[in-house]
Amino acid sequence: MRKLAGVILAFWLGYLTASFGLFNLLLEEKAALYILIALAASYLVIFIPLERIAEGEAQSSAGYPFRTSAREHLQRRGSF
């Protein structure tokens, strides 16, 4: 699903770049170019490692044997 979203996003960005001359606009506007570079760098530095950490934690806790449902918690407290 993520690959499909990536392909669609890449196609859409390519279309916008070709039809509206976005790349030339970014080259003329240095501030916009610096902002895009900073956003891309923050994505690479923060979000990708964070996603990998979250994925690892999700896989390691998948076999946790002491899972209880919300209904069981409420029954233990006497609220249900």
N, C-alpha and C. Protein backbone atom coordinates (compact mmCIF):
# COMPACT_ATOMS: atom_id res chain seq x y z
N MET A 1 0.82 -1.19 0.00
CA MET A 1 0.00 0.00 0.00
C MET A 1 0.87 1.25 0.00
N ARG A 2 1.96 1.19 0.79
CA ARG A 2 2.84 2.35 0.84
C ARG A 2 3.54 2.58 -0.50
N LYS A 3 3.86 1.49 -1.19
CA LYS A 3 4.52 1.63 -2.49
C LYS A 3 3.57 2.27 -3.50
N LEU A 4 2.31 1.87 -3.44
CA LEU A 4 1.34 2.47 -4.35
C LEU A 4 1.17 3.95 -4.07
N ALA A 5 1.11 4.32 -2.79
CA ALA A 5 1.01 5.73 -2.43
C ALA A 5 2.25 6.50 -2.90
N GLY A 6 3.41 5.88 -2.79
CA GLY A 6 4.64 6.52 -3.24
C GLY A 6 4.66 6.74 -4.74
N VAL A 7 4.19 5.75 -5.48
CA VAL A 7 4.13 5.88 -6.95
C VAL A 7 3.15 6.98 -7.34
N ILE A 8 2.00 7.00 -6.70
CA ILE A 8 1.01 8.03 -7.01
C ILE A 8 1.55 9.42 -6.67
N LEU A 9 2.20 9.54 -5.51
CA LEU A 9 2.77 10.83 -5.11
C LEU A 9 3.87 11.26 -6.08
N ALA A 10 4.73 10.32 -6.49
CA ALA A 10 5.79 10.66 -7.43
C ALA A 10 5.22 11.10 -8.77
N PHE A 11 4.20 10.40 -9.25
CA PHE A 11 3.57 10.79 -10.51
C PHE A 11 2.95 12.18 -10.40
N TRP A 12 2.26 12.43 -9.29
CA TRP A 12 1.59 13.71 -9.09
C TRP A 12 2.61 14.85 -9.02
N LEU A 13 3.69 14.64 -8.26
CA LEU A 13 4.72 15.68 -8.16
C LEU A 13 5.41 15.90 -9.50
N GLY A 14 5.64 14.83 -10.25
CA GLY A 14 6.22 14.98 -11.58
C GLY A 14 5.32 15.76 -12.51
N TYR A 15 4.03 15.49 -12.43
CA TYR A 15 3.07 16.22 -13.26
C TYR A 15 3.06 17.70 -12.90
N LEU A 16 3.03 17.99 -11.59
CA LEU A 16 3.04 19.39 -11.16
C LEU A 16 4.31 20.10 -11.60
N THR A 17 5.43 19.41 -11.49
CA THR A 17 6.70 20.01 -11.89
C THR A 17 6.71 20.31 -13.38
N ALA A 18 6.22 19.39 -14.18
CA ALA A 18 6.24 19.58 -15.63
C ALA A 18 5.24 20.63 -16.09
N SER A 19 4.07 20.64 -15.49
CA SER A 19 3.04 21.53 -16.01
C SER A 19 3.15 22.96 -15.49
N PHE A 20 3.63 23.15 -14.29
CA PHE A 20 3.65 24.49 -13.72
C PHE A 20 5.05 25.09 -13.60
N GLY A 21 6.05 24.38 -14.05
CA GLY A 21 7.40 24.91 -13.96
C GLY A 21 7.85 25.09 -12.52
N LEU A 22 7.50 24.15 -11.67
CA LEU A 22 7.79 24.25 -10.25
C LEU A 22 9.29 24.27 -9.97
N PHE A 23 10.02 23.47 -10.73
CA PHE A 23 11.46 23.39 -10.49
C PHE A 23 12.12 24.74 -10.78
N ASN A 24 11.73 25.40 -11.85
CA ASN A 24 12.29 26.72 -12.16
C ASN A 24 11.92 27.75 -11.10
N LEU A 25 10.71 27.66 -10.58
CA LEU A 25 10.28 28.57 -9.53
C LEU A 25 11.12 28.35 -8.27
N LEU A 26 11.38 27.09 -7.93
CA LEU A 26 12.19 26.81 -6.75
C LEU A 26 13.64 27.29 -6.93
N LEU A 27 14.15 27.19 -8.13
CA LEU A 27 15.51 27.67 -8.36
C LEU A 27 15.59 29.19 -8.24
N GLU A 28 14.51 29.88 -8.61
CA GLU A 28 14.50 31.33 -8.49
C GLU A 28 14.31 31.76 -7.05
N GLU A 29 13.51 31.05 -6.31
CA GLU A 29 13.24 31.38 -4.91
C GLU A 29 14.13 30.53 -4.00
N LYS A 30 15.22 31.09 -3.56
CA LYS A 30 16.17 30.36 -2.73
C LYS A 30 15.56 29.99 -1.37
N ALA A 31 14.73 30.84 -0.82
CA ALA A 31 14.14 30.55 0.49
C ALA A 31 13.25 29.32 0.44
N ALA A 32 12.45 29.20 -0.62
CA ALA A 32 11.59 28.03 -0.76
C ALA A 32 12.41 26.76 -0.94
N LEU A 33 13.51 26.87 -1.66
CA LEU A 33 14.39 25.73 -1.85
C LEU A 33 15.02 25.30 -0.52
N TYR A 34 15.45 26.24 0.27
CA TYR A 34 16.03 25.90 1.58
C TYR A 34 14.99 25.28 2.51
N ILE A 35 13.76 25.74 2.44
CA ILE A 35 12.70 25.16 3.27
C ILE A 35 12.43 23.72 2.86
N LEU A 36 12.36 23.45 1.56
CA LEU A 36 12.15 22.09 1.10
C LEU A 36 13.30 21.17 1.47
N ILE A 37 14.51 21.66 1.39
CA ILE A 37 15.67 20.86 1.78
C ILE A 37 15.63 20.57 3.28
N ALA A 38 15.26 21.55 4.08
CA ALA A 38 15.16 21.34 5.53
C ALA A 38 14.06 20.34 5.88
N LEU A 39 12.94 20.41 5.20
CA LEU A 39 11.86 19.45 5.44
C LEU A 39 12.28 18.03 5.06
N ALA A 40 12.94 17.90 3.94
CA ALA A 40 13.40 16.57 3.52
C ALA A 40 14.44 16.02 4.49
N ALA A 41 15.34 16.89 4.96
CA ALA A 41 16.36 16.44 5.91
C ALA A 41 15.73 16.04 7.24
N SER A 42 14.73 16.79 7.69
CA SER A 42 14.08 16.42 8.95
C SER A 42 13.33 15.10 8.81
N TYR A 43 12.76 14.85 7.65
CA TYR A 43 12.10 13.57 7.42
C TYR A 43 13.11 12.43 7.49
N LEU A 44 14.24 12.61 6.84
CA LEU A 44 15.25 11.55 6.84
C LEU A 44 15.85 11.33 8.22
N VAL A 45 16.04 12.39 8.98
CA VAL A 45 16.71 12.28 10.28
C VAL A 45 15.77 11.83 11.38
N ILE A 46 14.50 12.23 11.34
CA ILE A 46 13.59 11.96 12.45
C ILE A 46 12.58 10.85 12.13
N PHE A 47 11.83 11.01 11.08
CA PHE A 47 10.67 10.15 10.86
C PHE A 47 11.04 8.73 10.45
N ILE A 48 12.04 8.56 9.61
CA ILE A 48 12.39 7.21 9.17
C ILE A 48 12.94 6.38 10.32
N PRO A 49 13.89 6.85 11.13
CA PRO A 49 14.32 6.04 12.28
C PRO A 49 13.20 5.81 13.28
N LEU A 50 12.32 6.79 13.47
CA LEU A 50 11.22 6.63 14.40
C LEU A 50 10.26 5.54 13.92
N GLU A 51 10.03 5.48 12.63
CA GLU A 51 9.17 4.44 12.08
C GLU A 51 9.80 3.06 12.28
N ARG A 52 11.09 2.95 12.09
CA ARG A 52 11.76 1.67 12.28
C ARG A 52 11.73 1.24 13.75
N ILE A 53 11.89 2.18 14.65
CA ILE A 53 11.82 1.85 16.09
C ILE A 53 10.41 1.37 16.43
N ALA A 54 9.40 2.07 15.93
CA ALA A 54 8.02 1.69 16.21
C ALA A 54 7.70 0.33 15.63
N GLU A 55 8.18 0.04 14.44
CA GLU A 55 7.94 -1.26 13.82
C GLU A 55 8.60 -2.37 14.62
N GLY A 56 9.82 -2.14 15.09
CA GLY A 56 10.51 -3.13 15.92
C GLY A 56 9.79 -3.38 17.23
N GLU A 57 9.30 -2.33 17.86
CA GLU A 57 8.56 -2.49 19.11
C GLU A 57 7.24 -3.22 18.89
N ALA A 58 6.58 -2.94 17.78
CA ALA A 58 5.32 -3.61 17.48
C ALA A 58 5.54 -5.11 17.26
N GLN A 59 6.63 -5.46 16.60
CA GLN A 59 6.91 -6.87 16.37
C GLN A 59 7.34 -7.57 17.64
N SER A 60 8.09 -6.89 18.51
CA SER A 60 8.56 -7.54 19.73
C SER A 60 7.44 -7.72 20.75
N SER A 61 6.44 -6.86 20.73
CA SER A 61 5.35 -6.99 21.69
C SER A 61 4.18 -7.79 21.14
N ALA A 62 4.29 -8.30 19.93
CA ALA A 62 3.19 -9.06 19.34
C ALA A 62 2.95 -10.36 20.08
N GLY A 63 3.99 -10.95 20.62
CA GLY A 63 3.84 -12.21 21.32
C GLY A 63 3.75 -12.06 22.82
N TYR A 64 3.44 -10.89 23.29
CA TYR A 64 3.35 -10.65 24.74
C TYR A 64 2.21 -11.48 25.31
N PRO A 65 2.48 -12.37 26.27
CA PRO A 65 1.46 -13.33 26.70
C PRO A 65 0.39 -12.77 27.63
N PHE A 66 0.58 -11.61 28.18
CA PHE A 66 -0.35 -11.11 29.19
C PHE A 66 -1.29 -10.05 28.63
N ARG A 67 -1.82 -10.28 27.46
CA ARG A 67 -2.76 -9.32 26.88
C ARG A 67 -4.14 -9.55 27.45
N THR A 68 -4.76 -8.49 27.89
CA THR A 68 -6.13 -8.55 28.37
C THR A 68 -6.95 -7.51 27.65
N SER A 69 -8.19 -7.83 27.46
CA SER A 69 -9.07 -6.90 26.75
C SER A 69 -9.59 -5.84 27.71
N ALA A 70 -10.19 -4.84 27.14
CA ALA A 70 -10.79 -3.77 27.95
C ALA A 70 -11.93 -4.33 28.79
N ARG A 71 -12.66 -5.29 28.24
CA ARG A 71 -13.76 -5.90 28.98
C ARG A 71 -13.23 -6.63 30.22
N GLU A 72 -12.10 -7.34 30.08
CA GLU A 72 -11.52 -8.04 31.23
C GLU A 72 -11.05 -7.07 32.30
N HIS A 73 -10.48 -5.96 31.89
CA HIS A 73 -10.05 -4.94 32.86
C HIS A 73 -11.26 -4.39 33.63
N LEU A 74 -12.33 -4.11 32.91
CA LEU A 74 -13.52 -3.57 33.57
C LEU A 74 -14.14 -4.60 34.51
N GLN A 75 -14.11 -5.88 34.14
CA GLN A 75 -14.66 -6.91 35.01
C GLN A 75 -13.84 -7.06 36.29
N ARG A 76 -12.53 -6.93 36.17
CA ARG A 76 -11.67 -7.03 37.35
C ARG A 76 -11.92 -5.87 38.32
N ARG A 77 -12.17 -4.70 37.76
CA ARG A 77 -12.43 -3.54 38.64
C ARG A 77 -13.85 -3.56 39.18
N GLY A 78 -14.70 -4.37 38.62
CA GLY A 78 -16.08 -4.39 39.05
C GLY A 78 -16.93 -3.33 38.41
N SER A 79 -16.45 -2.74 37.34
CA SER A 79 -17.19 -1.68 36.66
C SER A 79 -18.09 -2.20 35.57
N PHE A 80 -17.98 -3.48 35.28
CA PHE A 80 -18.71 -4.00 34.13
C PHE A 80 -19.69 -5.06 34.57
